[in-house]
Amino acid sequence: MLYYDVHTHLTSNHPSAVSILNVIPGQAVPESFFSAGIHPWYAKDAYIEDLHKHITNPYCVAIGECGLDNLKSDIDFAEQKKIFYSQLELAKQFSKPVILHVVRSNNELFHILKDFPELAYIWHGFTGNIETVNQFSRFNMFFSFGNRALKNENLWRTLLDDLIVCETDDSSSDITDIYSSLALIRNIDLESLALIIKNNIVKIFGNELERKN
């Protein structure tokens, strides 16, 4: 049984984990699956052109994390939107899914994504509610469960199977622990949850993650 960690900042040595390591421009790229993007917190000295060498790397499986943060950033919100839009254009050009960072900017996100309905999205660290899930139901949107989501167990108990993935983000938790927590919340066995998530991974990445990590 494989455990898919769609967003992590730490390298995992777990033999059954398939992890996507987050990388920002300027960082060395690993010889394992990674995503590359310009995070709103670190956008001041980053350039879209710097992403190209990462995106064309055969281990790059997604764009991100990227998005909008109306609480914390080193650039103004208008500039954030421009940079985010440019990254979505790259995702479209290279047929990559997008890992989203979203803070207090749901409506702005919604209007931008309307220009990119063909992309698949992972809303990382989702802590929102069912109203937000419904708002974004027109998009190919998946919601990622991690430690921060534990405060909203009712949402994760009732969220549709075909919307769920898992992540460790910047925590030291093992992805197997994240799966176990979600299985307990949803009152299903671990193997059933693993199958649900695997099916969603295929919807997002095709067979891309079936390659040797």
N, C-alpha and C. Protein backbone atom coordinates (compact mmCIF):
# COMPACT_ATOMS: atom_id res chain seq x y z
N MET A 1 0.85 -1.19 0.00
CA MET A 1 0.00 0.00 0.00
C MET A 1 0.88 1.24 0.00
N LEU A 2 0.56 2.19 -0.89
CA LEU A 2 1.32 3.43 -0.98
C LEU A 2 0.59 4.58 -0.29
N TYR A 3 1.39 5.49 0.27
CA TYR A 3 0.87 6.68 0.92
C TYR A 3 1.35 7.89 0.12
N TYR A 4 0.42 8.65 -0.40
CA TYR A 4 0.77 9.79 -1.24
C TYR A 4 0.75 11.08 -0.42
N ASP A 5 1.89 11.74 -0.39
CA ASP A 5 2.04 13.02 0.32
C ASP A 5 2.17 14.10 -0.76
N VAL A 6 1.06 14.81 -1.02
CA VAL A 6 1.03 15.72 -2.17
C VAL A 6 1.77 17.03 -1.95
N HIS A 7 2.14 17.31 -0.68
CA HIS A 7 2.83 18.58 -0.41
C HIS A 7 3.63 18.46 0.88
N THR A 8 4.95 18.52 0.74
CA THR A 8 5.80 18.46 1.92
C THR A 8 7.02 19.35 1.74
N HIS A 9 7.52 19.85 2.86
CA HIS A 9 8.75 20.65 2.86
C HIS A 9 9.93 19.85 3.40
N LEU A 10 9.67 18.57 3.75
CA LEU A 10 10.69 17.74 4.34
C LEU A 10 10.85 16.46 3.54
N THR A 11 12.06 15.97 3.43
CA THR A 11 12.32 14.74 2.70
C THR A 11 11.90 13.54 3.54
N SER A 12 11.19 12.62 2.91
CA SER A 12 10.74 11.41 3.60
C SER A 12 11.54 10.21 3.11
N ASN A 13 11.88 9.34 4.06
CA ASN A 13 12.57 8.09 3.73
C ASN A 13 11.66 6.89 3.92
N HIS A 14 10.37 7.15 4.11
CA HIS A 14 9.44 6.05 4.32
C HIS A 14 9.34 5.22 3.03
N PRO A 15 9.54 3.91 3.11
CA PRO A 15 9.58 3.10 1.88
C PRO A 15 8.27 3.04 1.11
N SER A 16 7.16 3.32 1.78
CA SER A 16 5.85 3.26 1.11
C SER A 16 5.27 4.63 0.81
N ALA A 17 6.06 5.69 1.02
CA ALA A 17 5.58 7.05 0.78
C ALA A 17 5.99 7.52 -0.60
N VAL A 18 5.04 8.14 -1.29
CA VAL A 18 5.32 8.84 -2.55
C VAL A 18 5.09 10.32 -2.27
N SER A 19 6.18 11.07 -2.17
CA SER A 19 6.11 12.44 -1.70
C SER A 19 6.43 13.45 -2.79
N ILE A 20 5.79 14.61 -2.71
CA ILE A 20 6.08 15.72 -3.61
C ILE A 20 6.68 16.84 -2.78
N LEU A 21 7.97 17.04 -2.94
CA LEU A 21 8.70 18.03 -2.16
C LEU A 21 8.50 19.42 -2.75
N ASN A 22 8.19 20.39 -1.90
CA ASN A 22 8.00 21.77 -2.36
C ASN A 22 9.36 22.44 -2.58
N VAL A 23 9.51 23.10 -3.74
CA VAL A 23 10.75 23.79 -4.10
C VAL A 23 10.40 25.20 -4.57
N ILE A 24 11.22 26.17 -4.18
CA ILE A 24 11.05 27.53 -4.69
C ILE A 24 12.26 27.88 -5.54
N PRO A 25 12.13 28.84 -6.48
CA PRO A 25 13.27 29.21 -7.31
C PRO A 25 14.50 29.56 -6.47
N GLY A 26 15.64 29.05 -6.89
CA GLY A 26 16.87 29.26 -6.15
C GLY A 26 17.28 28.06 -5.34
N GLN A 27 16.32 27.19 -5.01
CA GLN A 27 16.64 25.98 -4.28
C GLN A 27 17.10 24.90 -5.25
N ALA A 28 17.95 24.02 -4.78
CA ALA A 28 18.37 22.88 -5.59
C ALA A 28 17.19 21.94 -5.77
N VAL A 29 17.09 21.35 -6.94
CA VAL A 29 16.00 20.41 -7.20
C VAL A 29 16.44 19.01 -6.81
N PRO A 30 15.54 18.24 -6.22
CA PRO A 30 15.90 16.87 -5.80
C PRO A 30 15.78 15.89 -6.95
N GLU A 31 16.33 14.72 -6.77
CA GLU A 31 16.15 13.64 -7.74
C GLU A 31 14.99 12.76 -7.27
N SER A 32 13.90 13.42 -7.03
CA SER A 32 12.65 12.78 -6.62
C SER A 32 11.53 13.75 -6.97
N PHE A 33 10.30 13.34 -6.86
CA PHE A 33 9.17 14.18 -7.26
C PHE A 33 9.16 15.49 -6.47
N PHE A 34 8.91 16.57 -7.20
CA PHE A 34 8.80 17.87 -6.54
C PHE A 34 7.83 18.77 -7.28
N SER A 35 7.38 19.82 -6.58
CA SER A 35 6.62 20.90 -7.21
C SER A 35 7.47 22.15 -7.13
N ALA A 36 7.27 23.06 -8.07
CA ALA A 36 8.04 24.30 -8.09
C ALA A 36 7.10 25.47 -8.29
N GLY A 37 7.26 26.49 -7.46
CA GLY A 37 6.40 27.65 -7.59
C GLY A 37 6.91 28.84 -6.80
N ILE A 38 6.31 29.98 -7.07
CA ILE A 38 6.64 31.21 -6.36
C ILE A 38 5.57 31.44 -5.30
N HIS A 39 5.96 31.26 -4.06
CA HIS A 39 5.06 31.42 -2.91
C HIS A 39 4.86 32.91 -2.66
N PRO A 40 3.64 33.33 -2.30
CA PRO A 40 3.40 34.76 -2.04
C PRO A 40 4.32 35.35 -0.97
N TRP A 41 4.79 34.52 -0.03
CA TRP A 41 5.67 35.04 1.02
C TRP A 41 7.07 35.37 0.51
N TYR A 42 7.46 34.72 -0.59
CA TYR A 42 8.85 34.84 -1.06
C TYR A 42 8.91 35.33 -2.50
N ALA A 43 7.98 36.20 -2.86
CA ALA A 43 7.84 36.61 -4.25
C ALA A 43 8.65 37.85 -4.61
N LYS A 44 9.18 38.55 -3.64
CA LYS A 44 9.81 39.84 -3.90
C LYS A 44 10.98 39.74 -4.88
N ASP A 45 11.82 38.74 -4.70
CA ASP A 45 13.01 38.62 -5.54
C ASP A 45 12.95 37.40 -6.45
N ALA A 46 11.74 36.91 -6.70
CA ALA A 46 11.57 35.73 -7.56
C ALA A 46 11.02 36.16 -8.92
N TYR A 47 11.40 35.42 -9.94
CA TYR A 47 10.97 35.75 -11.30
C TYR A 47 10.43 34.50 -11.98
N ILE A 48 9.39 34.73 -12.77
CA ILE A 48 8.77 33.62 -13.49
C ILE A 48 9.79 32.88 -14.33
N GLU A 49 10.71 33.60 -14.93
CA GLU A 49 11.72 32.97 -15.78
C GLU A 49 12.53 31.92 -15.03
N ASP A 50 12.69 32.14 -13.71
CA ASP A 50 13.48 31.20 -12.91
C ASP A 50 12.78 29.85 -12.76
N LEU A 51 11.47 29.83 -12.99
CA LEU A 51 10.74 28.57 -12.85
C LEU A 51 10.96 27.61 -14.01
N HIS A 52 11.34 28.13 -15.16
CA HIS A 52 11.39 27.30 -16.36
C HIS A 52 12.31 26.10 -16.21
N LYS A 53 13.50 26.31 -15.66
CA LYS A 53 14.44 25.18 -15.55
C LYS A 53 13.93 24.13 -14.57
N HIS A 54 13.11 24.56 -13.60
CA HIS A 54 12.52 23.59 -12.68
C HIS A 54 11.39 22.82 -13.36
N ILE A 55 10.53 23.54 -14.06
CA ILE A 55 9.35 22.93 -14.65
C ILE A 55 9.72 21.89 -15.70
N THR A 56 10.80 22.11 -16.41
CA THR A 56 11.20 21.17 -17.46
C THR A 56 11.99 19.98 -16.92
N ASN A 57 12.30 20.00 -15.63
CA ASN A 57 12.95 18.85 -15.00
C ASN A 57 11.97 17.68 -14.98
N PRO A 58 12.41 16.48 -15.34
CA PRO A 58 11.46 15.35 -15.40
C PRO A 58 10.82 14.98 -14.08
N TYR A 59 11.40 15.40 -12.95
CA TYR A 59 10.82 15.09 -11.66
C TYR A 59 9.81 16.15 -11.20
N CYS A 60 9.66 17.23 -11.93
CA CYS A 60 8.69 18.25 -11.55
C CYS A 60 7.30 17.80 -11.99
N VAL A 61 6.42 17.58 -11.03
CA VAL A 61 5.10 17.03 -11.34
C VAL A 61 3.97 18.03 -11.10
N ALA A 62 4.30 19.22 -10.57
CA ALA A 62 3.25 20.20 -10.29
C ALA A 62 3.85 21.60 -10.18
N ILE A 63 3.00 22.60 -10.38
CA ILE A 63 3.35 24.00 -10.13
C ILE A 63 2.86 24.37 -8.73
N GLY A 64 3.72 25.00 -7.95
CA GLY A 64 3.30 25.43 -6.63
C GLY A 64 4.32 25.08 -5.55
N GLU A 65 4.12 25.44 -4.31
CA GLU A 65 2.85 26.05 -4.01
C GLU A 65 2.86 27.50 -4.46
N CYS A 66 1.74 27.96 -4.91
CA CYS A 66 1.59 29.34 -5.35
C CYS A 66 0.16 29.76 -5.09
N GLY A 67 -0.08 31.06 -5.17
CA GLY A 67 -1.45 31.51 -4.92
C GLY A 67 -1.53 32.92 -4.42
N LEU A 68 -2.44 33.13 -3.47
CA LEU A 68 -2.75 34.47 -2.98
C LEU A 68 -2.81 34.48 -1.46
N ASP A 69 -2.19 35.50 -0.87
CA ASP A 69 -2.20 35.63 0.58
C ASP A 69 -2.48 37.08 0.94
N ASN A 70 -3.67 37.33 1.42
CA ASN A 70 -4.09 38.69 1.75
C ASN A 70 -3.80 39.03 3.21
N LEU A 71 -2.97 38.21 3.84
CA LEU A 71 -2.58 38.45 5.23
C LEU A 71 -1.08 38.71 5.34
N LYS A 72 -0.30 37.92 4.62
CA LYS A 72 1.16 38.00 4.76
C LYS A 72 1.83 37.82 3.41
N SER A 73 2.60 38.82 2.99
CA SER A 73 3.40 38.72 1.77
C SER A 73 4.38 39.88 1.75
N ASP A 74 5.48 39.71 0.99
CA ASP A 74 6.44 40.81 0.89
C ASP A 74 6.21 41.66 -0.35
N ILE A 75 5.09 41.43 -1.06
CA ILE A 75 4.70 42.28 -2.18
C ILE A 75 3.22 42.60 -2.04
N ASP A 76 2.74 43.62 -2.76
CA ASP A 76 1.33 43.99 -2.61
C ASP A 76 0.44 42.98 -3.34
N PHE A 77 -0.84 43.05 -3.04
CA PHE A 77 -1.77 42.03 -3.51
C PHE A 77 -1.95 42.06 -5.02
N ALA A 78 -1.93 43.22 -5.62
CA ALA A 78 -2.06 43.32 -7.07
C ALA A 78 -0.90 42.60 -7.77
N GLU A 79 0.29 42.75 -7.22
CA GLU A 79 1.46 42.08 -7.81
C GLU A 79 1.38 40.57 -7.58
N GLN A 80 0.88 40.18 -6.43
CA GLN A 80 0.66 38.75 -6.17
C GLN A 80 -0.22 38.13 -7.26
N LYS A 81 -1.31 38.81 -7.58
CA LYS A 81 -2.24 38.28 -8.58
C LYS A 81 -1.57 38.12 -9.94
N LYS A 82 -0.72 39.08 -10.31
CA LYS A 82 -0.01 38.99 -11.59
C LYS A 82 0.91 37.78 -11.61
N ILE A 83 1.66 37.60 -10.55
CA ILE A 83 2.61 36.48 -10.49
C ILE A 83 1.87 35.15 -10.48
N PHE A 84 0.78 35.09 -9.73
CA PHE A 84 -0.02 33.87 -9.68
C PHE A 84 -0.59 33.56 -11.06
N TYR A 85 -1.11 34.56 -11.73
CA TYR A 85 -1.69 34.36 -13.06
C TYR A 85 -0.63 33.81 -14.02
N SER A 86 0.57 34.35 -13.95
CA SER A 86 1.65 33.89 -14.82
C SER A 86 1.99 32.43 -14.55
N GLN A 87 1.91 32.02 -13.29
CA GLN A 87 2.19 30.62 -12.97
C GLN A 87 1.10 29.70 -13.48
N LEU A 88 -0.13 30.16 -13.46
CA LEU A 88 -1.21 29.36 -14.03
C LEU A 88 -1.04 29.22 -15.54
N GLU A 89 -0.55 30.25 -16.17
CA GLU A 89 -0.27 30.15 -17.61
C GLU A 89 0.80 29.10 -17.89
N LEU A 90 1.81 29.05 -17.02
CA LEU A 90 2.84 28.01 -17.17
C LEU A 90 2.26 26.62 -16.93
N ALA A 91 1.40 26.51 -15.92
CA ALA A 91 0.76 25.22 -15.65
C ALA A 91 -0.04 24.74 -16.86
N LYS A 92 -0.73 25.66 -17.49
CA LYS A 92 -1.48 25.32 -18.69
C LYS A 92 -0.54 24.92 -19.82
N GLN A 93 0.53 25.67 -20.01
CA GLN A 93 1.49 25.40 -21.08
C GLN A 93 2.13 24.03 -20.93
N PHE A 94 2.47 23.66 -19.70
CA PHE A 94 3.18 22.41 -19.46
C PHE A 94 2.28 21.29 -18.93
N SER A 95 0.97 21.54 -18.90
CA SER A 95 -0.01 20.54 -18.47
C SER A 95 0.31 19.99 -17.08
N LYS A 96 0.51 20.90 -16.13
CA LYS A 96 0.82 20.52 -14.76
C LYS A 96 -0.33 20.89 -13.83
N PRO A 97 -0.62 20.05 -12.83
CA PRO A 97 -1.56 20.47 -11.78
C PRO A 97 -0.94 21.56 -10.93
N VAL A 98 -1.77 22.24 -10.15
CA VAL A 98 -1.33 23.40 -9.36
C VAL A 98 -1.62 23.17 -7.89
N ILE A 99 -0.61 23.39 -7.05
CA ILE A 99 -0.78 23.30 -5.60
C ILE A 99 -0.96 24.72 -5.05
N LEU A 100 -2.12 24.97 -4.45
CA LEU A 100 -2.54 26.31 -4.08
C LEU A 100 -2.24 26.66 -2.63
N HIS A 101 -1.78 27.89 -2.44
CA HIS A 101 -1.69 28.53 -1.13
C HIS A 101 -2.72 29.67 -1.14
N VAL A 102 -3.70 29.60 -0.25
CA VAL A 102 -4.80 30.57 -0.27
C VAL A 102 -5.07 31.06 1.15
N VAL A 103 -4.94 32.36 1.36
CA VAL A 103 -5.24 32.95 2.67
C VAL A 103 -6.06 34.21 2.46
N ARG A 104 -7.29 34.21 2.98
CA ARG A 104 -8.19 35.37 2.95
C ARG A 104 -8.31 35.96 1.53
N SER A 105 -8.44 35.11 0.55
CA SER A 105 -8.52 35.60 -0.83
C SER A 105 -9.34 34.67 -1.71
N ASN A 106 -10.36 34.05 -1.12
CA ASN A 106 -11.16 33.07 -1.86
C ASN A 106 -11.83 33.67 -3.09
N ASN A 107 -12.43 34.84 -2.94
CA ASN A 107 -13.16 35.43 -4.07
C ASN A 107 -12.22 35.82 -5.20
N GLU A 108 -11.06 36.38 -4.85
CA GLU A 108 -10.09 36.74 -5.89
C GLU A 108 -9.58 35.48 -6.59
N LEU A 109 -9.36 34.43 -5.82
CA LEU A 109 -8.94 33.17 -6.41
C LEU A 109 -9.98 32.64 -7.39
N PHE A 110 -11.22 32.67 -6.97
CA PHE A 110 -12.31 32.16 -7.80
C PHE A 110 -12.33 32.85 -9.17
N HIS A 111 -12.20 34.15 -9.18
CA HIS A 111 -12.28 34.88 -10.45
C HIS A 111 -11.08 34.61 -11.34
N ILE A 112 -9.92 34.38 -10.75
CA ILE A 112 -8.75 34.06 -11.57
C ILE A 112 -8.87 32.66 -12.15
N LEU A 113 -9.31 31.71 -11.35
CA LEU A 113 -9.38 30.33 -11.82
C LEU A 113 -10.38 30.15 -12.95
N LYS A 114 -11.34 31.04 -13.06
CA LYS A 114 -12.30 30.95 -14.16
C LYS A 114 -11.61 31.02 -15.52
N ASP A 115 -10.41 31.62 -15.57
CA ASP A 115 -9.66 31.69 -16.83
C ASP A 115 -8.87 30.41 -17.10
N PHE A 116 -8.86 29.48 -16.14
CA PHE A 116 -8.07 28.26 -16.29
C PHE A 116 -8.88 27.03 -15.84
N PRO A 117 -10.03 26.80 -16.48
CA PRO A 117 -10.90 25.71 -16.04
C PRO A 117 -10.35 24.32 -16.35
N GLU A 118 -9.35 24.25 -17.23
CA GLU A 118 -8.82 22.94 -17.62
C GLU A 118 -7.80 22.37 -16.64
N LEU A 119 -7.33 23.18 -15.71
CA LEU A 119 -6.29 22.72 -14.80
C LEU A 119 -6.87 21.95 -13.61
N ALA A 120 -6.04 21.09 -13.04
CA ALA A 120 -6.37 20.43 -11.78
C ALA A 120 -5.68 21.18 -10.65
N TYR A 121 -6.39 21.32 -9.53
CA TYR A 121 -5.88 22.10 -8.40
C TYR A 121 -5.92 21.29 -7.11
N ILE A 122 -4.88 21.47 -6.30
CA ILE A 122 -4.85 20.94 -4.94
C ILE A 122 -4.79 22.13 -3.98
N TRP A 123 -5.82 22.27 -3.17
CA TRP A 123 -5.86 23.35 -2.18
C TRP A 123 -5.14 22.82 -0.95
N HIS A 124 -3.90 23.19 -0.81
CA HIS A 124 -3.09 22.60 0.27
C HIS A 124 -3.45 23.22 1.62
N GLY A 125 -3.39 22.36 2.65
CA GLY A 125 -3.68 22.82 4.00
C GLY A 125 -5.08 23.40 4.15
N PHE A 126 -6.06 22.78 3.51
CA PHE A 126 -7.40 23.37 3.51
C PHE A 126 -8.01 23.35 4.90
N THR A 127 -8.44 24.52 5.36
CA THR A 127 -9.10 24.65 6.66
C THR A 127 -10.46 25.33 6.53
N GLY A 128 -10.98 25.38 5.32
CA GLY A 128 -12.24 26.07 5.07
C GLY A 128 -13.45 25.23 5.41
N ASN A 129 -14.59 25.65 4.89
CA ASN A 129 -15.85 24.99 5.21
C ASN A 129 -16.53 24.47 3.95
N ILE A 130 -17.68 23.86 4.13
CA ILE A 130 -18.38 23.25 3.00
C ILE A 130 -18.87 24.30 2.01
N GLU A 131 -19.12 25.51 2.48
CA GLU A 131 -19.53 26.58 1.57
C GLU A 131 -18.41 26.90 0.58
N THR A 132 -17.17 26.90 1.06
CA THR A 132 -16.03 27.14 0.17
C THR A 132 -15.87 25.98 -0.80
N VAL A 133 -16.02 24.77 -0.30
CA VAL A 133 -15.95 23.59 -1.18
C VAL A 133 -16.98 23.71 -2.30
N ASN A 134 -18.19 24.07 -1.95
CA ASN A 134 -19.25 24.20 -2.95
C ASN A 134 -18.98 25.34 -3.92
N GLN A 135 -18.41 26.44 -3.42
CA GLN A 135 -18.09 27.58 -4.28
C GLN A 135 -17.15 27.18 -5.40
N PHE A 136 -16.20 26.29 -5.08
CA PHE A 136 -15.18 25.92 -6.05
C PHE A 136 -15.48 24.59 -6.75
N SER A 137 -16.70 24.11 -6.63
CA SER A 137 -17.06 22.81 -7.21
C SER A 137 -17.04 22.82 -8.73
N ARG A 138 -17.09 24.00 -9.35
CA ARG A 138 -17.05 24.08 -10.81
C ARG A 138 -15.66 23.78 -11.36
N PHE A 139 -14.65 23.81 -10.49
CA PHE A 139 -13.28 23.55 -10.91
C PHE A 139 -12.87 22.12 -10.56
N ASN A 140 -11.78 21.69 -11.16
CA ASN A 140 -11.22 20.37 -10.86
C ASN A 140 -10.36 20.51 -9.61
N MET A 141 -11.03 20.70 -8.48
CA MET A 141 -10.38 21.08 -7.23
C MET A 141 -10.37 19.93 -6.24
N PHE A 142 -9.20 19.68 -5.65
CA PHE A 142 -9.04 18.69 -4.60
C PHE A 142 -8.57 19.40 -3.33
N PHE A 143 -8.94 18.84 -2.19
CA PHE A 143 -8.66 19.49 -0.92
C PHE A 143 -7.75 18.59 -0.09
N SER A 144 -6.64 19.17 0.39
CA SER A 144 -5.61 18.37 1.03
C SER A 144 -5.70 18.43 2.55
N PHE A 145 -5.73 17.24 3.13
CA PHE A 145 -5.86 17.07 4.58
C PHE A 145 -4.48 16.95 5.22
N GLY A 146 -4.25 17.74 6.28
CA GLY A 146 -3.02 17.66 7.06
C GLY A 146 -3.31 18.00 8.50
N ASN A 147 -2.28 18.20 9.27
CA ASN A 147 -2.47 18.46 10.71
C ASN A 147 -3.36 19.67 10.99
N ARG A 148 -3.25 20.71 10.15
CA ARG A 148 -4.04 21.92 10.39
C ARG A 148 -5.54 21.68 10.22
N ALA A 149 -5.88 20.62 9.51
CA ALA A 149 -7.29 20.35 9.24
C ALA A 149 -8.00 19.67 10.41
N LEU A 150 -7.26 19.25 11.41
CA LEU A 150 -7.85 18.49 12.50
C LEU A 150 -8.88 19.28 13.29
N LYS A 151 -8.80 20.62 13.19
CA LYS A 151 -9.75 21.44 13.94
C LYS A 151 -11.14 21.46 13.30
N ASN A 152 -11.26 20.90 12.11
CA ASN A 152 -12.55 20.91 11.40
C ASN A 152 -12.91 19.49 10.99
N GLU A 153 -13.04 18.63 11.98
CA GLU A 153 -13.28 17.22 11.70
C GLU A 153 -14.59 16.97 10.97
N ASN A 154 -15.61 17.79 11.23
CA ASN A 154 -16.91 17.55 10.62
C ASN A 154 -16.84 17.67 9.10
N LEU A 155 -16.09 18.65 8.60
CA LEU A 155 -15.93 18.79 7.16
C LEU A 155 -15.28 17.54 6.57
N TRP A 156 -14.20 17.08 7.20
CA TRP A 156 -13.45 15.95 6.64
C TRP A 156 -14.19 14.63 6.84
N ARG A 157 -15.14 14.61 7.74
CA ARG A 157 -15.96 13.42 7.92
C ARG A 157 -16.97 13.28 6.78
N THR A 158 -17.40 14.41 6.21
CA THR A 158 -18.49 14.38 5.23
C THR A 158 -18.06 14.74 3.81
N LEU A 159 -16.83 15.21 3.64
CA LEU A 159 -16.37 15.61 2.30
C LEU A 159 -16.40 14.41 1.36
N LEU A 160 -16.83 14.64 0.14
CA LEU A 160 -16.93 13.55 -0.83
C LEU A 160 -15.58 12.89 -1.06
N ASP A 161 -15.62 11.56 -1.28
CA ASP A 161 -14.39 10.79 -1.47
C ASP A 161 -13.51 11.35 -2.57
N ASP A 162 -14.14 11.77 -3.65
CA ASP A 162 -13.36 12.13 -4.84
C ASP A 162 -12.79 13.55 -4.79
N LEU A 163 -12.74 14.14 -3.59
CA LEU A 163 -12.17 15.48 -3.42
C LEU A 163 -10.94 15.49 -2.51
N ILE A 164 -10.53 14.33 -1.98
CA ILE A 164 -9.60 14.29 -0.86
C ILE A 164 -8.21 13.79 -1.27
N VAL A 165 -7.18 14.49 -0.79
CA VAL A 165 -5.81 14.01 -0.80
C VAL A 165 -5.18 14.35 0.56
N CYS A 166 -3.92 13.95 0.79
CA CYS A 166 -3.28 14.16 2.08
C CYS A 166 -1.89 14.77 1.92
N GLU A 167 -1.43 15.43 2.99
CA GLU A 167 -0.13 16.09 2.97
C GLU A 167 0.46 16.14 4.38
N THR A 168 1.79 16.32 4.44
CA THR A 168 2.43 16.59 5.73
C THR A 168 2.82 18.05 5.86
N ASP A 169 2.94 18.78 4.74
CA ASP A 169 3.32 20.19 4.73
C ASP A 169 4.67 20.36 5.44
N ASP A 170 4.74 21.26 6.42
CA ASP A 170 6.01 21.52 7.09
C ASP A 170 6.11 20.82 8.45
N SER A 171 5.19 19.89 8.72
CA SER A 171 5.21 19.19 10.00
C SER A 171 6.16 18.00 9.94
N SER A 172 6.54 17.51 11.10
CA SER A 172 7.40 16.33 11.18
C SER A 172 6.59 15.05 11.21
N SER A 173 5.28 15.16 11.09
CA SER A 173 4.42 13.98 11.08
C SER A 173 4.72 13.11 9.87
N ASP A 174 4.61 11.82 10.05
CA ASP A 174 4.74 10.89 8.93
C ASP A 174 3.43 10.86 8.18
N ILE A 175 3.50 10.68 6.87
CA ILE A 175 2.28 10.66 6.06
C ILE A 175 1.36 9.51 6.48
N THR A 176 1.92 8.42 7.01
CA THR A 176 1.08 7.33 7.48
C THR A 176 0.22 7.77 8.67
N ASP A 177 0.76 8.66 9.49
CA ASP A 177 -0.02 9.19 10.62
C ASP A 177 -1.16 10.08 10.13
N ILE A 178 -0.91 10.85 9.06
CA ILE A 178 -1.95 11.71 8.49
C ILE A 178 -3.08 10.84 7.95
N TYR A 179 -2.73 9.80 7.21
CA TYR A 179 -3.74 8.86 6.69
C TYR A 179 -4.55 8.26 7.84
N SER A 180 -3.86 7.83 8.89
CA SER A 180 -4.54 7.19 10.01
C SER A 180 -5.53 8.15 10.68
N SER A 181 -5.12 9.41 10.82
CA SER A 181 -6.01 10.40 11.43
C SER A 181 -7.27 10.60 10.58
N LEU A 182 -7.09 10.68 9.27
CA LEU A 182 -8.23 10.90 8.39
C LEU A 182 -9.13 9.66 8.35
N ALA A 183 -8.54 8.48 8.34
CA ALA A 183 -9.34 7.25 8.34
C ALA A 183 -10.20 7.17 9.60
N LEU A 184 -9.63 7.57 10.72
CA LEU A 184 -10.38 7.57 11.98
C LEU A 184 -11.53 8.56 11.93
N ILE A 185 -11.28 9.76 11.41
CA ILE A 185 -12.33 10.76 11.29
C ILE A 185 -13.46 10.28 10.40
N ARG A 186 -13.11 9.62 9.29
CA ARG A 186 -14.12 9.18 8.33
C ARG A 186 -14.70 7.80 8.67
N ASN A 187 -14.18 7.20 9.73
CA ASN A 187 -14.67 5.91 10.20
C ASN A 187 -14.60 4.83 9.11
N ILE A 188 -13.43 4.78 8.45
CA ILE A 188 -13.18 3.75 7.45
C ILE A 188 -11.81 3.14 7.74
N ASP A 189 -11.54 1.98 7.17
CA ASP A 189 -10.24 1.36 7.39
C ASP A 189 -9.18 2.02 6.51
N LEU A 190 -7.95 1.86 6.89
CA LEU A 190 -6.84 2.53 6.23
C LEU A 190 -6.71 2.12 4.77
N GLU A 191 -6.96 0.86 4.47
CA GLU A 191 -6.84 0.40 3.10
C GLU A 191 -7.88 1.06 2.19
N SER A 192 -9.08 1.24 2.71
CA SER A 192 -10.13 1.90 1.92
C SER A 192 -9.77 3.34 1.64
N LEU A 193 -9.24 4.04 2.64
CA LEU A 193 -8.83 5.42 2.44
C LEU A 193 -7.69 5.50 1.43
N ALA A 194 -6.73 4.59 1.54
CA ALA A 194 -5.60 4.59 0.61
C ALA A 194 -6.07 4.42 -0.83
N LEU A 195 -7.07 3.59 -1.05
CA LEU A 195 -7.60 3.39 -2.39
C LEU A 195 -8.31 4.64 -2.89
N ILE A 196 -9.07 5.29 -2.02
CA ILE A 196 -9.74 6.55 -2.38
C ILE A 196 -8.72 7.58 -2.83
N ILE A 197 -7.67 7.75 -2.04
CA ILE A 197 -6.66 8.76 -2.36
C ILE A 197 -5.89 8.39 -3.61
N LYS A 198 -5.57 7.11 -3.78
CA LYS A 198 -4.87 6.69 -4.99
C LYS A 198 -5.69 7.03 -6.23
N ASN A 199 -6.99 6.78 -6.19
CA ASN A 199 -7.85 7.10 -7.33
C ASN A 199 -7.82 8.60 -7.63
N ASN A 200 -7.82 9.41 -6.59
CA ASN A 200 -7.76 10.86 -6.79
C ASN A 200 -6.41 11.30 -7.33
N ILE A 201 -5.35 10.66 -6.87
CA ILE A 201 -4.02 10.96 -7.38
C ILE A 201 -3.95 10.71 -8.88
N VAL A 202 -4.54 9.64 -9.34
CA VAL A 202 -4.55 9.33 -10.78
C VAL A 202 -5.34 10.39 -11.53
N LYS A 203 -6.44 10.87 -10.95
CA LYS A 203 -7.21 11.93 -11.59
C LYS A 203 -6.39 13.21 -11.74
N ILE A 204 -5.56 13.49 -10.78
CA ILE A 204 -4.77 14.73 -10.79
C ILE A 204 -3.52 14.59 -11.66
N PHE A 205 -2.78 13.50 -11.47
CA PHE A 205 -1.46 13.35 -12.07
C PHE A 205 -1.39 12.33 -13.20
N GLY A 206 -2.50 11.67 -13.49
CA GLY A 206 -2.42 10.55 -14.43
C GLY A 206 -1.53 9.48 -13.82
N ASN A 207 -0.64 8.90 -14.64
CA ASN A 207 0.28 7.87 -14.14
C ASN A 207 1.64 8.44 -13.78
N GLU A 208 1.72 9.77 -13.66
CA GLU A 208 3.01 10.43 -13.44
C GLU A 208 3.70 9.94 -12.16
N LEU A 209 2.95 9.69 -11.12
CA LEU A 209 3.55 9.30 -9.85
C LEU A 209 3.79 7.79 -9.75
N GLU A 210 3.48 7.08 -10.82
CA GLU A 210 3.76 5.64 -10.84
C GLU A 210 5.22 5.36 -11.20
N ARG A 211 5.91 6.41 -11.70
CA ARG A 211 7.33 6.26 -11.95
C ARG A 211 8.07 6.09 -10.64
N LYS A 212 9.27 5.58 -10.70
CA LYS A 212 10.08 5.41 -9.50
C LYS A 212 10.38 6.76 -8.88
N ASN A 213 10.08 6.91 -7.61
CA ASN A 213 10.29 8.17 -6.91
C ASN A 213 11.75 8.29 -6.44
